[in-house]
Amino acid sequence: MTVTHVQLVSVPVSDQDRARDFYVDTLGFDLIWDNPMGPGGRWVQVAPKGSATALTLVTWFPTMPPGSLKGLVLETDDLDGDVATLRERGVVFADGGIQVAPWGRYVTFDDPDGNGLVLQATRV
């Protein structure tokens, strides 16, 4: 096997505009693509700045209803600062705030469709 990295993860959403705005404006991701894709379709791809892995915001997989993705983990170097920024931008954290685990600290929250995200700072 010569797999070098995960290139893309599909995130099932109901409204690509709303999802794009959340991932770009709220989470600070870069908008990589927002282009037509076939008849009536659209390819919307976002990624954290400098990341090798991107997300595509999909509406076309019947086996992936909006909100069905759980446990998408995002790593940060400044959990406290990012949590404060996200709160200012209206994000509600599922457990009320930062949780502590043996491996580090984290918060959980949902995107507008209910896809579950984890923002963590791993201890090294």
PDB file of N, CA and C in Angstrom:
ATOM      1  N   MET A   1       0.843  -1.188   0.000  1.00  0.00           N
ATOM      2  CA  MET A   1       0.000   0.000   0.000  1.00  0.00           C
ATOM      3  C   MET A   1       0.883   1.244   0.000  1.00  0.00           C
ATOM      4  N   THR A   2       0.440   2.254  -0.736  1.00  0.00           N
ATOM      5  CA  THR A   2       1.207   3.498  -0.808  1.00  0.00           C
ATOM      6  C   THR A   2       0.340   4.711  -0.486  1.00  0.00           C
ATOM      7  N   VAL A   3      -0.653   4.516   0.365  1.00  0.00           N
ATOM      8  CA  VAL A   3      -1.514   5.626   0.763  1.00  0.00           C
ATOM      9  C   VAL A   3      -0.664   6.632   1.532  1.00  0.00           C
ATOM     10  N   THR A   4      -0.781   7.909   1.174  1.00  0.00           N
ATOM     11  CA  THR A   4       0.045   8.934   1.820  1.00  0.00           C
ATOM     12  C   THR A   4      -0.730   9.822   2.792  1.00  0.00           C
ATOM     13  N   HIS A   5      -2.045   9.957   2.578  1.00  0.00           N
ATOM     14  CA  HIS A   5      -2.839  10.790   3.473  1.00  0.00           C
ATOM     15  C   HIS A   5      -4.319  10.649   3.130  1.00  0.00           C
ATOM     16  N   VAL A   6      -5.158  11.133   4.014  1.00  0.00           N
ATOM     17  CA  VAL A   6      -6.583  11.227   3.726  1.00  0.00           C
ATOM     18  C   VAL A   6      -6.787  12.542   2.994  1.00  0.00           C
ATOM     19  N   GLN A   7      -7.322  12.488   1.795  1.00  0.00           N
ATOM     20  CA  GLN A   7      -7.484  13.697   0.984  1.00  0.00           C
ATOM     21  C   GLN A   7      -8.787  14.408   1.282  1.00  0.00           C
ATOM     22  N   LEU A   8      -9.882  13.637   1.441  1.00  0.00           N
ATOM     23  CA  LEU A   8     -11.203  14.249   1.472  1.00  0.00           C
ATOM     24  C   LEU A   8     -12.143  13.449   2.364  1.00  0.00           C
ATOM     25  N   VAL A   9     -12.963  14.155   3.130  1.00  0.00           N
ATOM     26  CA  VAL A   9     -14.019  13.552   3.935  1.00  0.00           C
ATOM     27  C   VAL A   9     -15.329  14.217   3.532  1.00  0.00           C
ATOM     28  N   SER A  10     -16.339  13.404   3.231  1.00  0.00           N
ATOM     29  CA  SER A  10     -17.648  13.946   2.856  1.00  0.00           C
ATOM     30  C   SER A  10     -18.475  14.216   4.105  1.00  0.00           C
ATOM     31  N   VAL A  11     -19.018  15.428   4.180  1.00  0.00           N
ATOM     32  CA  VAL A  11     -19.867  15.842   5.297  1.00  0.00           C
ATOM     33  C   VAL A  11     -21.276  16.050   4.746  1.00  0.00           C
ATOM     34  N   PRO A  12     -22.257  15.245   5.198  1.00  0.00           N
ATOM     35  CA  PRO A  12     -23.606  15.356   4.653  1.00  0.00           C
ATOM     36  C   PRO A  12     -24.361  16.562   5.226  1.00  0.00           C
ATOM     37  N   VAL A  13     -24.832  17.427   4.334  1.00  0.00           N
ATOM     38  CA  VAL A  13     -25.522  18.652   4.740  1.00  0.00           C
ATOM     39  C   VAL A  13     -26.830  18.797   3.956  1.00  0.00           C
ATOM     40  N   SER A  14     -27.717  19.614   4.470  1.00  0.00           N
ATOM     41  CA  SER A  14     -28.985  19.859   3.772  1.00  0.00           C
ATOM     42  C   SER A  14     -28.939  21.117   2.915  1.00  0.00           C
ATOM     43  N   ASP A  15     -28.089  22.066   3.288  1.00  0.00           N
ATOM     44  CA  ASP A  15     -28.006  23.357   2.602  1.00  0.00           C
ATOM     45  C   ASP A  15     -26.525  23.710   2.454  1.00  0.00           C
ATOM     46  N   GLN A  16     -26.012  23.608   1.233  1.00  0.00           N
ATOM     47  CA  GLN A  16     -24.583  23.835   1.017  1.00  0.00           C
ATOM     48  C   GLN A  16     -24.156  25.271   1.312  1.00  0.00           C
ATOM     49  N   ASP A  17     -25.012  26.241   1.056  1.00  0.00           N
ATOM     50  CA  ASP A  17     -24.662  27.631   1.368  1.00  0.00           C
ATOM     51  C   ASP A  17     -24.507  27.826   2.867  1.00  0.00           C
ATOM     52  N   ARG A  18     -25.469  27.345   3.629  1.00  0.00           N
ATOM     53  CA  ARG A  18     -25.426  27.488   5.096  1.00  0.00           C
ATOM     54  C   ARG A  18     -24.212  26.749   5.661  1.00  0.00           C
ATOM     55  N   ALA A  19     -23.958  25.537   5.164  1.00  0.00           N
ATOM     56  CA  ALA A  19     -22.819  24.760   5.641  1.00  0.00           C
ATOM     57  C   ALA A  19     -21.500  25.443   5.272  1.00  0.00           C
ATOM     58  N   ARG A  20     -21.395  25.912   4.033  1.00  0.00           N
ATOM     59  CA  ARG A  20     -20.180  26.628   3.598  1.00  0.00           C
ATOM     60  C   ARG A  20     -19.926  27.827   4.508  1.00  0.00           C
ATOM     61  N   ASP A  21     -20.966  28.598   4.792  1.00  0.00           N
ATOM     62  CA  ASP A  21     -20.801  29.771   5.645  1.00  0.00           C
ATOM     63  C   ASP A  21     -20.338  29.382   7.048  1.00  0.00           C
ATOM     64  N   PHE A  22     -20.864  28.283   7.588  1.00  0.00           N
ATOM     65  CA  PHE A  22     -20.447  27.829   8.913  1.00  0.00           C
ATOM     66  C   PHE A  22     -18.973  27.428   8.917  1.00  0.00           C
ATOM     67  N   TYR A  23     -18.591  26.583   7.971  1.00  0.00           N
ATOM     68  CA  TYR A  23     -17.212  26.095   7.960  1.00  0.00           C
ATOM     69  C   TYR A  23     -16.208  27.200   7.615  1.00  0.00           C
ATOM     70  N   VAL A  24     -16.590  28.134   6.767  1.00  0.00           N
ATOM     71  CA  VAL A  24     -15.674  29.211   6.378  1.00  0.00           C
ATOM     72  C   VAL A  24     -15.738  30.369   7.384  1.00  0.00           C
ATOM     73  N   ASP A  25     -16.927  30.898   7.638  1.00  0.00           N
ATOM     74  CA  ASP A  25     -17.044  32.090   8.479  1.00  0.00           C
ATOM     75  C   ASP A  25     -16.941  31.798   9.970  1.00  0.00           C
ATOM     76  N   THR A  26     -17.504  30.687  10.412  1.00  0.00           N
ATOM     77  CA  THR A  26     -17.492  30.371  11.842  1.00  0.00           C
ATOM     78  C   THR A  26     -16.221  29.639  12.249  1.00  0.00           C
ATOM     79  N   LEU A  27     -15.851  28.588  11.490  1.00  0.00           N
ATOM     80  CA  LEU A  27     -14.670  27.803  11.851  1.00  0.00           C
ATOM     81  C   LEU A  27     -13.376  28.339  11.250  1.00  0.00           C
ATOM     82  N   GLY A  28     -13.474  29.238  10.277  1.00  0.00           N
ATOM     83  CA  GLY A  28     -12.274  29.838   9.698  1.00  0.00           C
ATOM     84  C   GLY A  28     -11.583  28.991   8.642  1.00  0.00           C
ATOM     85  N   PHE A  29     -12.280  27.995   8.085  1.00  0.00           N
ATOM     86  CA  PHE A  29     -11.701  27.173   7.029  1.00  0.00           C
ATOM     87  C   PHE A  29     -11.555  27.996   5.752  1.00  0.00           C
ATOM     88  N   ASP A  30     -10.673  27.542   4.876  1.00  0.00           N
ATOM     89  CA  ASP A  30     -10.548  28.122   3.540  1.00  0.00           C
ATOM     90  C   ASP A  30     -11.585  27.492   2.626  1.00  0.00           C
ATOM     91  N   LEU A  31     -12.153  28.282   1.739  1.00  0.00           N
ATOM     92  CA  LEU A  31     -13.020  27.764   0.684  1.00  0.00           C
ATOM     93  C   LEU A  31     -12.119  27.350  -0.466  1.00  0.00           C
ATOM     94  N   ILE A  32     -12.075  26.060  -0.763  1.00  0.00           N
ATOM     95  CA  ILE A  32     -11.204  25.534  -1.817  1.00  0.00           C
ATOM     96  C   ILE A  32     -11.926  25.568  -3.166  1.00  0.00           C
ATOM     97  N   TRP A  33     -13.158  25.059  -3.194  1.00  0.00           N
ATOM     98  CA  TRP A  33     -13.968  25.017  -4.407  1.00  0.00           C
ATOM     99  C   TRP A  33     -15.415  25.297  -4.072  1.00  0.00           C
ATOM    100  N   ASP A  34     -16.092  25.969  -4.960  1.00  0.00           N
ATOM    101  CA  ASP A  34     -17.553  26.100  -4.941  1.00  0.00           C
ATOM    102  C   ASP A  34     -17.963  26.221  -6.399  1.00  0.00           C
ATOM    103  N   ASN A  35     -18.113  25.060  -7.036  1.00  0.00           N
ATOM    104  CA  ASN A  35     -18.312  25.000  -8.475  1.00  0.00           C
ATOM    105  C   ASN A  35     -19.474  24.088  -8.838  1.00  0.00           C
ATOM    106  N   PRO A  36     -20.101  24.340  -9.996  1.00  0.00           N
ATOM    107  CA  PRO A  36     -21.129  23.420 -10.490  1.00  0.00           C
ATOM    108  C   PRO A  36     -20.525  22.024 -10.697  1.00  0.00           C
ATOM    109  N   MET A  37     -21.364  21.019 -10.480  1.00  0.00           N
ATOM    110  CA  MET A  37     -20.926  19.634 -10.650  1.00  0.00           C
ATOM    111  C   MET A  37     -22.083  18.862 -11.277  1.00  0.00           C
ATOM    112  N   GLY A  38     -22.034  18.709 -12.568  1.00  0.00           N
ATOM    113  CA  GLY A  38     -23.106  17.985 -13.250  1.00  0.00           C
ATOM    114  C   GLY A  38     -24.399  18.774 -13.235  1.00  0.00           C
ATOM    115  N   PRO A  39     -25.448  18.190 -13.779  1.00  0.00           N
ATOM    116  CA  PRO A  39     -26.733  18.891 -13.829  1.00  0.00           C
ATOM    117  C   PRO A  39     -27.339  19.076 -12.433  1.00  0.00           C
ATOM    118  N   GLY A  40     -27.483  20.313 -12.029  1.00  0.00           N
ATOM    119  CA  GLY A  40     -28.125  20.634 -10.751  1.00  0.00           C
ATOM    120  C   GLY A  40     -27.295  20.347  -9.522  1.00  0.00           C
ATOM    121  N   GLY A  41     -26.053  19.931  -9.692  1.00  0.00           N
ATOM    122  CA  GLY A  41     -25.203  19.622  -8.552  1.00  0.00           C
ATOM    123  C   GLY A  41     -24.153  20.695  -8.320  1.00  0.00           C
ATOM    124  N   ARG A  42     -23.486  20.576  -7.199  1.00  0.00           N
ATOM    125  CA  ARG A  42     -22.491  21.571  -6.820  1.00  0.00           C
ATOM    126  C   ARG A  42     -21.424  20.915  -5.963  1.00  0.00           C
ATOM    127  N   TRP A  43     -20.174  21.252  -6.194  1.00  0.00           N
ATOM    128  CA  TRP A  43     -19.053  20.759  -5.407  1.00  0.00           C
ATOM    129  C   TRP A  43     -18.574  21.888  -4.510  1.00  0.00           C
ATOM    130  N   VAL A  44     -18.749  21.719  -3.198  1.00  0.00           N
ATOM    131  CA  VAL A  44     -18.290  22.705  -2.226  1.00  0.00           C
ATOM    132  C   VAL A  44     -17.257  22.005  -1.345  1.00  0.00           C
ATOM    133  N   GLN A  45     -16.034  22.524  -1.380  1.00  0.00           N
ATOM    134  CA  GLN A  45     -14.928  21.915  -0.642  1.00  0.00           C
ATOM    135  C   GLN A  45     -14.263  22.970   0.230  1.00  0.00           C
ATOM    136  N   VAL A  46     -14.041  22.626   1.490  1.00  0.00           N
ATOM    137  CA  VAL A  46     -13.421  23.523   2.462  1.00  0.00           C
ATOM    138  C   VAL A  46     -12.309  22.765   3.181  1.00  0.00           C
ATOM    139  N   ALA A  47     -11.387  23.510   3.783  1.00  0.00           N
ATOM    140  CA  ALA A  47     -10.304  22.872   4.525  1.00  0.00           C
ATOM    141  C   ALA A  47      -9.719  23.842   5.539  1.00  0.00           C
ATOM    142  N   PRO A  48      -9.218  23.304   6.657  1.00  0.00           N
ATOM    143  CA  PRO A  48      -8.460  24.159   7.566  1.00  0.00           C
ATOM    144  C   PRO A  48      -7.235  24.704   6.825  1.00  0.00           C
ATOM    145  N   LYS A  49      -6.830  25.886   7.161  1.00  0.00           N
ATOM    146  CA  LYS A  49      -5.674  26.501   6.504  1.00  0.00           C
ATOM    147  C   LYS A  49      -4.455  25.574   6.557  1.00  0.00           C
ATOM    148  N   GLY A  50      -3.890  25.283   5.397  1.00  0.00           N
ATOM    149  CA  GLY A  50      -2.685  24.473   5.315  1.00  0.00           C
ATOM    150  C   GLY A  50      -2.884  22.975   5.474  1.00  0.00           C
ATOM    151  N   SER A  51      -4.104  22.516   5.582  1.00  0.00           N
ATOM    152  CA  SER A  51      -4.369  21.098   5.817  1.00  0.00           C
ATOM    153  C   SER A  51      -4.261  20.278   4.529  1.00  0.00           C
ATOM    154  N   ALA A  52      -3.778  19.043   4.669  1.00  0.00           N
ATOM    155  CA  ALA A  52      -3.754  18.111   3.539  1.00  0.00           C
ATOM    156  C   ALA A  52      -5.117  17.464   3.333  1.00  0.00           C
ATOM    157  N   THR A  53      -5.964  17.508   4.344  1.00  0.00           N
ATOM    158  CA  THR A  53      -7.290  16.897   4.261  1.00  0.00           C
ATOM    159  C   THR A  53      -8.352  17.988   4.155  1.00  0.00           C
ATOM    160  N   ALA A  54      -9.285  17.793   3.223  1.00  0.00           N
ATOM    161  CA  ALA A  54     -10.381  18.746   3.024  1.00  0.00           C
ATOM    162  C   ALA A  54     -11.710  18.061   3.299  1.00  0.00           C
ATOM    163  N   LEU A  55     -12.746  18.868   3.410  1.00  0.00           N
ATOM    164  CA  LEU A  55     -14.117  18.379   3.562  1.00  0.00           C
ATOM    165  C   LEU A  55     -14.901  18.794   2.335  1.00  0.00           C
ATOM    166  N   THR A  56     -15.736  17.902   1.840  1.00  0.00           N
ATOM    167  CA  THR A  56     -16.686  18.284   0.811  1.00  0.00           C
ATOM    168  C   THR A  56     -18.075  18.233   1.431  1.00  0.00           C
ATOM    169  N   LEU A  57     -18.839  19.273   1.210  1.00  0.00           N
ATOM    170  CA  LEU A  57     -20.169  19.427   1.808  1.00  0.00           C
ATOM    171  C   LEU A  57     -21.178  18.877   0.820  1.00  0.00           C
ATOM    172  N   VAL A  58     -21.668  17.669   1.097  1.00  0.00           N
ATOM    173  CA  VAL A  58     -22.434  16.899   0.120  1.00  0.00           C
ATOM    174  C   VAL A  58     -23.923  16.854   0.448  1.00  0.00           C
ATOM    175  N   THR A  59     -24.710  16.811  -0.625  1.00  0.00           N
ATOM    176  CA  THR A  59     -26.174  16.686  -0.496  1.00  0.00           C
ATOM    177  C   THR A  59     -26.699  15.495  -1.282  1.00  0.00           C
ATOM    178  N   TRP A  60     -25.837  14.741  -1.931  1.00  0.00           N
ATOM    179  CA  TRP A  60     -26.276  13.771  -2.921  1.00  0.00           C
ATOM    180  C   TRP A  60     -26.148  12.304  -2.524  1.00  0.00           C
ATOM    181  N   PHE A  61     -25.770  11.972  -1.306  1.00  0.00           N
ATOM    182  CA  PHE A  61     -25.673  10.572  -0.898  1.00  0.00           C
ATOM    183  C   PHE A  61     -26.889  10.180  -0.073  1.00  0.00           C
ATOM    184  N   PRO A  62     -27.810   9.395  -0.632  1.00  0.00           N
ATOM    185  CA  PRO A  62     -29.009   9.029   0.115  1.00  0.00           C
ATOM    186  C   PRO A  62     -28.718   8.219   1.377  1.00  0.00           C
ATOM    187  N   THR A  63     -27.584   7.537   1.428  1.00  0.00           N
ATOM    188  CA  THR A  63     -27.237   6.761   2.624  1.00  0.00           C
ATOM    189  C   THR A  63     -26.528   7.598   3.685  1.00  0.00           C
ATOM    190  N   MET A  64     -26.310   8.887   3.396  1.00  0.00           N
ATOM    191  CA  MET A  64     -25.674   9.801   4.351  1.00  0.00           C
ATOM    192  C   MET A  64     -26.600  10.996   4.569  1.00  0.00           C
ATOM    193  N   PRO A  65     -27.613  10.848   5.404  1.00  0.00           N
ATOM    194  CA  PRO A  65     -28.502  11.984   5.622  1.00  0.00           C
ATOM    195  C   PRO A  65     -27.782  13.121   6.359  1.00  0.00           C
ATOM    196  N   PRO A  66     -28.216  14.355   6.139  1.00  0.00           N
ATOM    197  CA  PRO A  66     -27.614  15.484   6.854  1.00  0.00           C
ATOM    198  C   PRO A  66     -27.595  15.233   8.356  1.00  0.00           C
ATOM    199  N   GLY A  67     -26.447  15.514   8.959  1.00  0.00           N
ATOM    200  CA  GLY A  67     -26.304  15.347  10.402  1.00  0.00           C
ATOM    201  C   GLY A  67     -25.851  13.965  10.832  1.00  0.00           C
ATOM    202  N   SER A  68     -25.595  13.065   9.894  1.00  0.00           N
ATOM    203  CA  SER A  68     -25.252  11.688  10.266  1.00  0.00           C
ATOM    204  C   SER A  68     -23.764  11.473  10.552  1.00  0.00           C
ATOM    205  N   LEU A  69     -22.924  12.447  10.255  1.00  0.00           N
ATOM    206  CA  LEU A  69     -21.497  12.317  10.551  1.00  0.00           C
ATOM    207  C   LEU A  69     -21.260  12.691  12.012  1.00  0.00           C
ATOM    208  N   LYS A  70     -20.604  11.824  12.739  1.00  0.00           N
ATOM    209  CA  LYS A  70     -20.299  12.083  14.156  1.00  0.00           C
ATOM    210  C   LYS A  70     -18.817  11.839  14.408  1.00  0.00           C
ATOM    211  N   GLY A  71     -18.225  12.651  15.266  1.00  0.00           N
ATOM    212  CA  GLY A  71     -16.854  12.421  15.684  1.00  0.00           C
ATOM    213  C   GLY A  71     -15.790  12.936  14.745  1.00  0.00           C
ATOM    214  N   LEU A  72     -16.090  13.958  13.950  1.00  0.00           N
ATOM    215  CA  LEU A  72     -15.055  14.579  13.114  1.00  0.00           C
ATOM    216  C   LEU A  72     -14.162  15.399  14.048  1.00  0.00           C
ATOM    217  N   VAL A  73     -12.902  15.009  14.152  1.00  0.00           N
ATOM    218  CA  VAL A  73     -11.990  15.610  15.126  1.00  0.00           C
ATOM    219  C   VAL A  73     -11.112  16.661  14.456  1.00  0.00           C
ATOM    220  N   LEU A  74     -11.112  17.843  15.034  1.00  0.00           N
ATOM    221  CA  LEU A  74     -10.286  18.964  14.585  1.00  0.00           C
ATOM    222  C   LEU A  74      -9.270  19.265  15.673  1.00  0.00           C
ATOM    223  N   GLU A  75      -8.010  19.381  15.310  1.00  0.00           N
ATOM    224  CA  GLU A  75      -6.948  19.658  16.278  1.00  0.00           C
ATOM    225  C   GLU A  75      -6.652  21.155  16.296  1.00  0.00           C
ATOM    226  N   THR A  76      -6.352  21.683  17.491  1.00  0.00           N
ATOM    227  CA  THR A  76      -6.014  23.094  17.636  1.00  0.00           C
ATOM    228  C   THR A  76      -4.821  23.254  18.572  1.00  0.00           C
ATOM    229  N   ASP A  77      -4.077  24.336  18.374  1.00  0.00           N
ATOM    230  CA  ASP A  77      -2.986  24.688  19.269  1.00  0.00           C
ATOM    231  C   ASP A  77      -3.439  25.658  20.349  1.00  0.00           C
ATOM    232  N   ASP A  78      -4.676  26.183  20.242  1.00  0.00           N
ATOM    233  CA  ASP A  78      -5.182  27.171  21.193  1.00  0.00           C
ATOM    234  C   ASP A  78      -6.652  26.884  21.497  1.00  0.00           C
ATOM    235  N   LEU A  79      -6.899  25.841  22.256  1.00  0.00           N
ATOM    236  CA  LEU A  79      -8.272  25.444  22.548  1.00  0.00           C
ATOM    237  C   LEU A  79      -9.035  26.554  23.263  1.00  0.00           C
ATOM    238  N   ASP A  80      -8.441  27.164  24.273  1.00  0.00           N
ATOM    239  CA  ASP A  80      -9.139  28.213  25.021  1.00  0.00           C
ATOM    240  C   ASP A  80      -9.513  29.390  24.123  1.00  0.00           C
ATOM    241  N   GLY A  81      -8.579  29.834  23.312  1.00  0.00           N
ATOM    242  CA  GLY A  81      -8.843  30.955  22.410  1.00  0.00           C
ATOM    243  C   GLY A  81      -9.876  30.610  21.361  1.00  0.00           C
ATOM    244  N   ASP A  82      -9.785  29.399  20.806  1.00  0.00           N
ATOM    245  CA  ASP A  82     -10.753  28.996  19.785  1.00  0.00           C
ATOM    246  C   ASP A  82     -12.152  28.828  20.363  1.00  0.00           C
ATOM    247  N   VAL A  83     -12.247  28.295  21.563  1.00  0.00           N
ATOM    248  CA  VAL A  83     -13.559  28.157  22.204  1.00  0.00           C
ATOM    249  C   VAL A  83     -14.173  29.538  22.427  1.00  0.00           C
ATOM    250  N   ALA A  84     -13.386  30.490  22.895  1.00  0.00           N
ATOM    251  CA  ALA A  84     -13.885  31.852  23.107  1.00  0.00           C
ATOM    252  C   ALA A  84     -14.369  32.460  21.790  1.00  0.00           C
ATOM    253  N   THR A  85     -13.581  32.298  20.731  1.00  0.00           N
ATOM    254  CA  THR A  85     -13.972  32.825  19.424  1.00  0.00           C
ATOM    255  C   THR A  85     -15.251  32.171  18.922  1.00  0.00           C
ATOM    256  N   LEU A  86     -15.339  30.853  19.031  1.00  0.00           N
ATOM    257  CA  LEU A  86     -16.531  30.151  18.571  1.00  0.00           C
ATOM    258  C   LEU A  86     -17.769  30.547  19.366  1.00  0.00           C
ATOM    259  N   ARG A  87     -17.619  30.750  20.664  1.00  0.00           N
ATOM    260  CA  ARG A  87     -18.759  31.226  21.474  1.00  0.00           C
ATOM    261  C   ARG A  87     -19.236  32.586  20.976  1.00  0.00           C
ATOM    262  N   GLU A  88     -18.284  33.482  20.676  1.00  0.00           N
ATOM    263  CA  GLU A  88     -18.639  34.794  20.146  1.00  0.00           C
ATOM    264  C   GLU A  88     -19.383  34.664  18.823  1.00  0.00           C
ATOM    265  N   ARG A  89     -19.092  33.621  18.076  1.00  0.00           N
ATOM    266  CA  ARG A  89     -19.724  33.396  16.774  1.00  0.00           C
ATOM    267  C   ARG A  89     -20.996  32.553  16.882  1.00  0.00           C
ATOM    268  N   GLY A  90     -21.441  32.295  18.114  1.00  0.00           N
ATOM    269  CA  GLY A  90     -22.719  31.635  18.321  1.00  0.00           C
ATOM    270  C   GLY A  90     -22.707  30.129  18.456  1.00  0.00           C
ATOM    271  N   VAL A  91     -21.533  29.515  18.513  1.00  0.00           N
ATOM    272  CA  VAL A  91     -21.473  28.057  18.660  1.00  0.00           C
ATOM    273  C   VAL A  91     -21.825  27.683  20.091  1.00  0.00           C
ATOM    274  N   VAL A  92     -22.669  26.650  20.215  1.00  0.00           N
ATOM    275  CA  VAL A  92     -23.066  26.116  21.517  1.00  0.00           C
ATOM    276  C   VAL A  92     -22.341  24.788  21.695  1.00  0.00           C
ATOM    277  N   PHE A  93     -21.696  24.614  22.837  1.00  0.00           N
ATOM    278  CA  PHE A  93     -20.937  23.399  23.106  1.00  0.00           C
ATOM    279  C   PHE A  93     -21.797  22.402  23.854  1.00  0.00           C
ATOM    280  N   ALA A  94     -21.808  21.167  23.350  1.00  0.00           N
ATOM    281  CA  ALA A  94     -22.706  20.123  23.849  1.00  0.00           C
ATOM    282  C   ALA A  94     -22.553  19.872  25.343  1.00  0.00           C
ATOM    283  N   ASP A  95     -21.338  19.833  25.827  1.00  0.00           N
ATOM    284  CA  ASP A  95     -21.106  19.537  27.241  1.00  0.00           C
ATOM    285  C   ASP A  95     -20.887  20.806  28.060  1.00  0.00           C
ATOM    286  N   GLY A  96     -21.184  21.949  27.492  1.00  0.00           N
ATOM    287  CA  GLY A  96     -21.075  23.200  28.214  1.00  0.00           C
ATOM    288  C   GLY A  96     -19.713  23.864  28.152  1.00  0.00           C
ATOM    289  N   GLY A  97     -18.700  23.126  27.831  1.00  0.00           N
ATOM    290  CA  GLY A  97     -17.377  23.734  27.777  1.00  0.00           C
ATOM    291  C   GLY A  97     -16.291  22.697  27.633  1.00  0.00           C
ATOM    292  N   ILE A  98     -15.099  23.100  27.985  1.00  0.00           N
ATOM    293  CA  ILE A  98     -13.920  22.255  27.794  1.00  0.00           C
ATOM    294  C   ILE A  98     -13.939  21.077  28.761  1.00  0.00           C
ATOM    295  N   GLN A  99     -13.705  19.903  28.201  1.00  0.00           N
ATOM    296  CA  GLN A  99     -13.607  18.664  28.968  1.00  0.00           C
ATOM    297  C   GLN A  99     -12.136  18.246  29.027  1.00  0.00           C
ATOM    298  N   VAL A 100     -11.765  17.561  30.102  1.00  0.00           N
ATOM    299  CA  VAL A 100     -10.390  17.106  30.282  1.00  0.00           C
ATOM    300  C   VAL A 100     -10.362  15.583  30.217  1.00  0.00           C
ATOM    301  N   ALA A 101      -9.401  15.064  29.473  1.00  0.00           N
ATOM    302  CA  ALA A 101      -9.204  13.621  29.350  1.00  0.00           C
ATOM    303  C   ALA A 101      -7.716  13.332  29.548  1.00  0.00           C
ATOM    304  N   PRO A 102      -7.360  12.075  29.776  1.00  0.00           N
ATOM    305  CA  PRO A 102      -5.934  11.750  29.975  1.00  0.00           C
ATOM    306  C   PRO A 102      -5.058  12.147  28.793  1.00  0.00           C
ATOM    307  N   TRP A 103      -5.604  12.178  27.601  1.00  0.00           N
ATOM    308  CA  TRP A 103      -4.833  12.479  26.390  1.00  0.00           C
ATOM    309  C   TRP A 103      -4.834  13.957  26.020  1.00  0.00           C
ATOM    310  N   GLY A 104      -5.680  14.785  26.678  1.00  0.00           N
ATOM    311  CA  GLY A 104      -5.730  16.208  26.339  1.00  0.00           C
ATOM    312  C   GLY A 104      -7.041  16.842  26.755  1.00  0.00           C
ATOM    313  N   ARG A 105      -7.411  17.925  26.080  1.00  0.00           N
ATOM    314  CA  ARG A 105      -8.645  18.664  26.384  1.00  0.00           C
ATOM    315  C   ARG A 105      -9.443  18.807  25.099  1.00  0.00           C
ATOM    316  N   TYR A 106     -10.790  18.923  25.238  1.00  0.00           N
ATOM    317  CA  TYR A 106     -11.628  18.979  24.049  1.00  0.00           C
ATOM    318  C   TYR A 106     -12.992  19.597  24.355  1.00  0.00           C
ATOM    319  N   VAL A 107     -13.672  19.997  23.288  1.00  0.00           N
ATOM    320  CA  VAL A 107     -15.070  20.405  23.350  1.00  0.00           C
ATOM    321  C   VAL A 107     -15.797  19.708  22.197  1.00  0.00           C
ATOM    322  N   THR A 108     -17.090  19.530  22.364  1.00  0.00           N
ATOM    323  CA  THR A 108     -17.896  18.967  21.282  1.00  0.00           C
ATOM    324  C   THR A 108     -18.993  19.950  20.915  1.00  0.00           C
ATOM    325  N   PHE A 109     -19.345  19.959  19.624  1.00  0.00           N
ATOM    326  CA  PHE A 109     -20.399  20.830  19.131  1.00  0.00           C
ATOM    327  C   PHE A 109     -20.883  20.294  17.801  1.00  0.00           C
ATOM    328  N   ASP A 110     -21.959  20.837  17.306  1.00  0.00           N
ATOM    329  CA  ASP A 110     -22.539  20.397  16.042  1.00  0.00           C
ATOM    330  C   ASP A 110     -22.474  21.513  15.011  1.00  0.00           C
ATOM    331  N   ASP A 111     -22.399  21.115  13.744  1.00  0.00           N
ATOM    332  CA  ASP A 111     -22.574  22.085  12.665  1.00  0.00           C
ATOM    333  C   ASP A 111     -24.076  22.341  12.505  1.00  0.00           C
ATOM    334  N   PRO A 112     -24.497  23.221  11.616  1.00  0.00           N
ATOM    335  CA  PRO A 112     -25.930  23.546  11.510  1.00  0.00           C
ATOM    336  C   PRO A 112     -26.840  22.361  11.190  1.00  0.00           C
ATOM    337  N   ASP A 113     -26.295  21.279  10.626  1.00  0.00           N
ATOM    338  CA  ASP A 113     -27.101  20.107  10.309  1.00  0.00           C
ATOM    339  C   ASP A 113     -27.080  19.050  11.404  1.00  0.00           C
ATOM    340  N   GLY A 114     -26.260  19.250  12.439  1.00  0.00           N
ATOM    341  CA  GLY A 114     -26.163  18.264  13.506  1.00  0.00           C
ATOM    342  C   GLY A 114     -25.004  17.294  13.351  1.00  0.00           C
ATOM    343  N   ASN A 115     -24.126  17.516  12.382  1.00  0.00           N
ATOM    344  CA  ASN A 115     -22.916  16.707  12.302  1.00  0.00           C
ATOM    345  C   ASN A 115     -22.051  17.013  13.519  1.00  0.00           C
ATOM    346  N   GLY A 116     -21.579  15.969  14.200  1.00  0.00           N
ATOM    347  CA  GLY A 116     -20.852  16.134  15.452  1.00  0.00           C
ATOM    348  C   GLY A 116     -19.372  16.382  15.255  1.00  0.00           C
ATOM    349  N   LEU A 117     -18.891  17.482  15.832  1.00  0.00           N
ATOM    350  CA  LEU A 117     -17.486  17.872  15.722  1.00  0.00           C
ATOM    351  C   LEU A 117     -16.833  17.862  17.099  1.00  0.00           C
ATOM    352  N   VAL A 118     -15.554  17.552  17.112  1.00  0.00           N
ATOM    353  CA  VAL A 118     -14.745  17.602  18.324  1.00  0.00           C
ATOM    354  C   VAL A 118     -13.572  18.530  18.035  1.00  0.00           C
ATOM    355  N   LEU A 119     -13.388  19.521  18.871  1.00  0.00           N
ATOM    356  CA  LEU A 119     -12.224  20.403  18.772  1.00  0.00           C
ATOM    357  C   LEU A 119     -11.331  20.042  19.946  1.00  0.00           C
ATOM    358  N   GLN A 120     -10.104  19.626  19.657  1.00  0.00           N
ATOM    359  CA  GLN A 120      -9.255  19.131  20.733  1.00  0.00           C
ATOM    360  C   GLN A 120      -7.855  19.699  20.670  1.00  0.00           C
ATOM    361  N   ALA A 121      -7.226  19.671  21.840  1.00  0.00           N
ATOM    362  CA  ALA A 121      -5.805  19.978  21.984  1.00  0.00           C
ATOM    363  C   ALA A 121      -5.176  18.757  22.642  1.00  0.00           C
ATOM    364  N   THR A 122      -4.416  18.011  21.871  1.00  0.00           N
ATOM    365  CA  THR A 122      -3.812  16.777  22.354  1.00  0.00           C
ATOM    366  C   THR A 122      -2.550  17.087  23.122  1.00  0.00           C
ATOM    367  N   ARG A 123      -2.403  16.414  24.255  1.00  0.00           N
ATOM    368  CA  ARG A 123      -1.152  16.546  25.016  1.00  0.00           C
ATOM    369  C   ARG A 123      -0.054  15.814  24.273  1.00  0.00           C
ATOM    370  N   VAL A 124       1.105  16.433  24.232  1.00  0.00           N
ATOM    371  CA  VAL A 124       2.244  15.760  23.591  1.00  0.00           C
ATOM    372  C   VAL A 124       3.341  15.497  24.591  1.00  0.00           C
TER     373      VAL A 124
END
